[in-house]
N, C-alpha and C. Protein backbone atom coordinates (compact mmCIF):
# COMPACT_ATOMS: atom_id res chain seq x y z
N UNK A 1 13.56 4.71 -29.27
CA UNK A 1 14.63 4.20 -28.45
C UNK A 1 15.88 4.05 -29.30
N UNK A 2 16.95 4.51 -28.76
CA UNK A 2 18.25 4.40 -29.41
C UNK A 2 18.91 3.11 -28.93
N UNK A 3 19.63 2.40 -29.81
CA UNK A 3 20.34 1.18 -29.44
C UNK A 3 21.80 1.31 -29.82
N UNK A 4 22.68 0.85 -28.94
CA UNK A 4 24.12 0.96 -29.16
C UNK A 4 24.83 -0.32 -28.75
N UNK A 5 25.91 -0.69 -29.46
CA UNK A 5 26.71 -1.83 -29.03
C UNK A 5 27.45 -1.50 -27.72
N UNK A 6 27.84 -2.54 -27.01
CA UNK A 6 28.50 -2.38 -25.71
C UNK A 6 29.72 -1.47 -25.81
N UNK A 7 30.56 -1.69 -26.80
CA UNK A 7 31.78 -0.89 -26.95
C UNK A 7 31.49 0.59 -27.10
N UNK A 8 30.46 0.90 -27.86
CA UNK A 8 30.10 2.31 -28.06
C UNK A 8 29.53 2.91 -26.77
N UNK A 9 28.78 2.12 -26.03
CA UNK A 9 28.25 2.60 -24.74
C UNK A 9 29.40 2.90 -23.81
N UNK A 10 30.39 2.00 -23.76
CA UNK A 10 31.55 2.21 -22.89
C UNK A 10 32.31 3.47 -23.28
N UNK A 11 32.49 3.68 -24.59
CA UNK A 11 33.24 4.83 -25.07
C UNK A 11 32.53 6.15 -24.79
N UNK A 12 31.20 6.15 -24.91
CA UNK A 12 30.42 7.38 -24.78
C UNK A 12 29.49 7.34 -23.57
N UNK A 13 29.94 6.72 -22.50
CA UNK A 13 29.06 6.49 -21.35
C UNK A 13 28.48 7.78 -20.78
N UNK A 14 29.29 8.82 -20.66
CA UNK A 14 28.78 10.10 -20.12
C UNK A 14 27.68 10.68 -20.99
N UNK A 15 27.86 10.61 -22.31
CA UNK A 15 26.84 11.12 -23.22
C UNK A 15 25.56 10.28 -23.14
N UNK A 16 25.73 8.96 -23.02
CA UNK A 16 24.57 8.07 -22.89
C UNK A 16 23.79 8.41 -21.63
N UNK A 17 24.49 8.60 -20.53
CA UNK A 17 23.82 8.97 -19.28
C UNK A 17 23.10 10.31 -19.39
N UNK A 18 23.68 11.24 -20.10
CA UNK A 18 23.03 12.54 -20.28
C UNK A 18 21.74 12.38 -21.09
N UNK A 19 21.76 11.55 -22.12
CA UNK A 19 20.54 11.29 -22.91
C UNK A 19 19.46 10.65 -22.04
N UNK A 20 19.88 9.69 -21.22
CA UNK A 20 18.93 9.01 -20.34
C UNK A 20 18.38 9.99 -19.31
N UNK A 21 19.24 10.85 -18.80
CA UNK A 21 18.80 11.85 -17.82
C UNK A 21 17.74 12.78 -18.42
N UNK A 22 17.82 13.00 -19.72
CA UNK A 22 16.86 13.87 -20.39
C UNK A 22 15.59 13.13 -20.80
N UNK A 23 15.52 11.83 -20.48
CA UNK A 23 14.29 11.10 -20.72
C UNK A 23 14.35 10.02 -21.78
N UNK A 24 15.46 9.88 -22.49
CA UNK A 24 15.57 8.85 -23.53
C UNK A 24 15.85 7.48 -22.92
N UNK A 25 15.55 6.46 -23.69
CA UNK A 25 15.88 5.09 -23.32
C UNK A 25 16.93 4.60 -24.29
N UNK A 26 17.96 3.93 -23.78
CA UNK A 26 19.04 3.44 -24.63
C UNK A 26 19.14 1.93 -24.48
N UNK A 27 19.06 1.22 -25.61
CA UNK A 27 19.22 -0.23 -25.61
C UNK A 27 20.68 -0.58 -25.76
N UNK A 28 21.10 -1.69 -25.18
CA UNK A 28 22.49 -2.13 -25.28
C UNK A 28 22.51 -3.44 -26.07
N UNK A 29 23.32 -3.44 -27.14
CA UNK A 29 23.42 -4.59 -28.02
C UNK A 29 24.73 -5.33 -27.74
N UNK A 30 24.69 -6.68 -27.85
CA UNK A 30 25.86 -7.47 -27.50
C UNK A 30 26.20 -8.48 -28.58
N UNK A 31 27.48 -8.68 -28.80
CA UNK A 31 27.97 -9.71 -29.71
C UNK A 31 27.92 -9.31 -31.17
N UNK A 32 28.39 -10.24 -32.00
CA UNK A 32 28.40 -9.97 -33.45
C UNK A 32 26.98 -9.85 -34.01
N UNK A 33 26.08 -10.61 -33.44
CA UNK A 33 24.69 -10.56 -33.90
C UNK A 33 23.98 -9.31 -33.39
N UNK A 34 24.62 -8.61 -32.49
CA UNK A 34 24.07 -7.38 -31.90
C UNK A 34 22.67 -7.61 -31.36
N UNK A 35 22.59 -8.60 -30.48
CA UNK A 35 21.31 -8.91 -29.85
C UNK A 35 21.09 -7.97 -28.67
N UNK A 36 19.87 -7.48 -28.50
CA UNK A 36 19.59 -6.62 -27.35
C UNK A 36 19.69 -7.43 -26.05
N UNK A 37 20.44 -6.89 -25.08
CA UNK A 37 20.61 -7.58 -23.80
C UNK A 37 20.18 -6.74 -22.60
N UNK A 38 20.09 -5.44 -22.78
CA UNK A 38 19.74 -4.59 -21.64
C UNK A 38 19.24 -3.24 -22.14
N UNK A 39 18.66 -2.50 -21.21
CA UNK A 39 18.21 -1.14 -21.51
C UNK A 39 18.59 -0.24 -20.35
N UNK A 40 18.95 0.97 -20.67
CA UNK A 40 19.17 1.99 -19.65
C UNK A 40 17.99 2.93 -19.76
N UNK A 41 17.24 3.05 -18.67
CA UNK A 41 16.03 3.87 -18.68
C UNK A 41 16.14 4.94 -17.61
N UNK A 42 15.42 6.04 -17.76
CA UNK A 42 15.46 7.09 -16.74
C UNK A 42 14.91 6.57 -15.41
N UNK A 43 15.52 7.02 -14.34
CA UNK A 43 15.09 6.66 -12.99
C UNK A 43 13.85 7.46 -12.64
N UNK A 44 12.83 6.75 -12.16
CA UNK A 44 11.60 7.40 -11.74
C UNK A 44 11.40 7.09 -10.26
N UNK A 45 11.41 8.11 -9.46
CA UNK A 45 11.24 7.90 -8.02
C UNK A 45 9.78 7.61 -7.73
N UNK A 46 9.56 6.50 -7.05
CA UNK A 46 8.20 6.10 -6.72
C UNK A 46 7.75 6.80 -5.46
N UNK A 47 6.53 7.27 -5.48
CA UNK A 47 5.96 7.87 -4.29
C UNK A 47 5.35 6.76 -3.45
N UNK A 48 5.76 6.69 -2.22
CA UNK A 48 5.25 5.65 -1.33
C UNK A 48 3.97 6.16 -0.70
N UNK A 49 2.91 5.38 -0.91
CA UNK A 49 1.63 5.76 -0.32
C UNK A 49 1.63 5.37 1.14
N UNK A 50 1.10 6.25 1.96
CA UNK A 50 0.98 5.93 3.37
C UNK A 50 -0.08 4.87 3.55
N UNK A 51 0.27 3.89 4.35
CA UNK A 51 -0.64 2.79 4.59
C UNK A 51 -1.57 3.14 5.74
N UNK A 52 -2.85 2.93 5.50
CA UNK A 52 -3.84 3.22 6.52
C UNK A 52 -3.77 2.17 7.61
N UNK A 53 -3.57 2.60 8.83
CA UNK A 53 -3.55 1.68 9.95
C UNK A 53 -4.94 1.66 10.56
N UNK A 54 -5.39 0.49 10.90
CA UNK A 54 -6.70 0.38 11.52
C UNK A 54 -7.83 0.60 10.54
N UNK A 55 -7.69 0.04 9.34
CA UNK A 55 -8.68 0.26 8.30
C UNK A 55 -10.06 -0.28 8.70
N UNK A 56 -10.09 -1.29 9.59
CA UNK A 56 -11.37 -1.85 10.03
C UNK A 56 -11.82 -1.30 11.38
N UNK A 57 -11.11 -0.29 11.87
CA UNK A 57 -11.45 0.29 13.16
C UNK A 57 -12.89 0.79 13.16
N UNK A 58 -13.67 0.30 14.12
CA UNK A 58 -15.06 0.71 14.23
C UNK A 58 -16.01 -0.07 13.33
N UNK A 59 -15.50 -0.94 12.47
CA UNK A 59 -16.35 -1.68 11.54
C UNK A 59 -16.57 -3.12 11.98
N UNK A 60 -15.80 -3.55 12.96
CA UNK A 60 -15.97 -4.92 13.43
C UNK A 60 -15.52 -5.02 14.89
N UNK A 61 -15.95 -6.07 15.53
CA UNK A 61 -15.54 -6.33 16.90
C UNK A 61 -15.16 -7.79 17.02
N UNK A 62 -14.30 -8.08 17.99
CA UNK A 62 -13.90 -9.44 18.28
C UNK A 62 -14.21 -9.70 19.74
N UNK A 63 -14.91 -10.78 19.98
CA UNK A 63 -15.26 -11.15 21.36
C UNK A 63 -14.82 -12.58 21.60
N UNK A 64 -14.28 -12.84 22.77
CA UNK A 64 -13.90 -14.19 23.19
C UNK A 64 -14.85 -14.64 24.28
N UNK A 65 -15.26 -15.87 24.17
CA UNK A 65 -16.14 -16.45 25.19
C UNK A 65 -15.34 -16.58 26.49
N UNK A 66 -16.01 -16.48 27.63
CA UNK A 66 -15.30 -16.57 28.90
C UNK A 66 -14.55 -17.89 29.09
N UNK A 67 -15.01 -18.97 28.46
CA UNK A 67 -14.36 -20.26 28.64
C UNK A 67 -13.29 -20.55 27.56
N UNK A 68 -12.97 -19.54 26.74
CA UNK A 68 -11.98 -19.72 25.68
C UNK A 68 -10.59 -19.87 26.28
N UNK A 69 -9.90 -20.94 25.90
CA UNK A 69 -8.53 -21.17 26.34
C UNK A 69 -7.72 -21.68 25.17
N UNK A 70 -6.51 -21.18 25.08
CA UNK A 70 -5.60 -21.64 24.03
C UNK A 70 -4.18 -21.53 24.54
N UNK A 71 -3.44 -22.58 24.37
CA UNK A 71 -2.04 -22.54 24.79
C UNK A 71 -1.22 -21.83 23.71
N UNK A 72 -0.02 -21.44 24.08
CA UNK A 72 0.87 -20.80 23.12
C UNK A 72 1.18 -21.75 21.98
N UNK A 73 1.39 -23.03 22.28
CA UNK A 73 1.67 -24.03 21.25
C UNK A 73 0.52 -24.13 20.25
N UNK A 74 -0.72 -24.12 20.74
CA UNK A 74 -1.88 -24.17 19.86
C UNK A 74 -1.94 -22.91 18.99
N UNK A 75 -1.67 -21.79 19.59
CA UNK A 75 -1.69 -20.52 18.86
C UNK A 75 -0.67 -20.54 17.72
N UNK A 76 0.50 -21.05 18.02
CA UNK A 76 1.57 -21.08 17.02
C UNK A 76 1.54 -22.34 16.17
N UNK A 77 0.58 -23.20 16.38
CA UNK A 77 0.41 -24.46 15.64
C UNK A 77 1.65 -25.34 15.74
N UNK A 78 2.26 -25.36 16.93
CA UNK A 78 3.42 -26.19 17.17
C UNK A 78 2.92 -27.52 17.71
N UNK A 79 3.36 -28.60 17.08
CA UNK A 79 2.93 -29.94 17.53
C UNK A 79 4.09 -30.85 17.69
């Protein structure tokens, strides 16, 4: 990983972005002590997995007794 002070990053920002685009990571140093405060890393697009709908379909059943009653307030736990 390459590390650069803020001023140098500002001066050579296009070159820094090109390095990052090619896969490098660049650390940004701040202040007289040149403490690391940030990193510029290559962007990695995440693949979104399709979510399975009905994962329990056919594996379980729900039955309500004929005398089952519930008000909307009870369902929503409003008191």
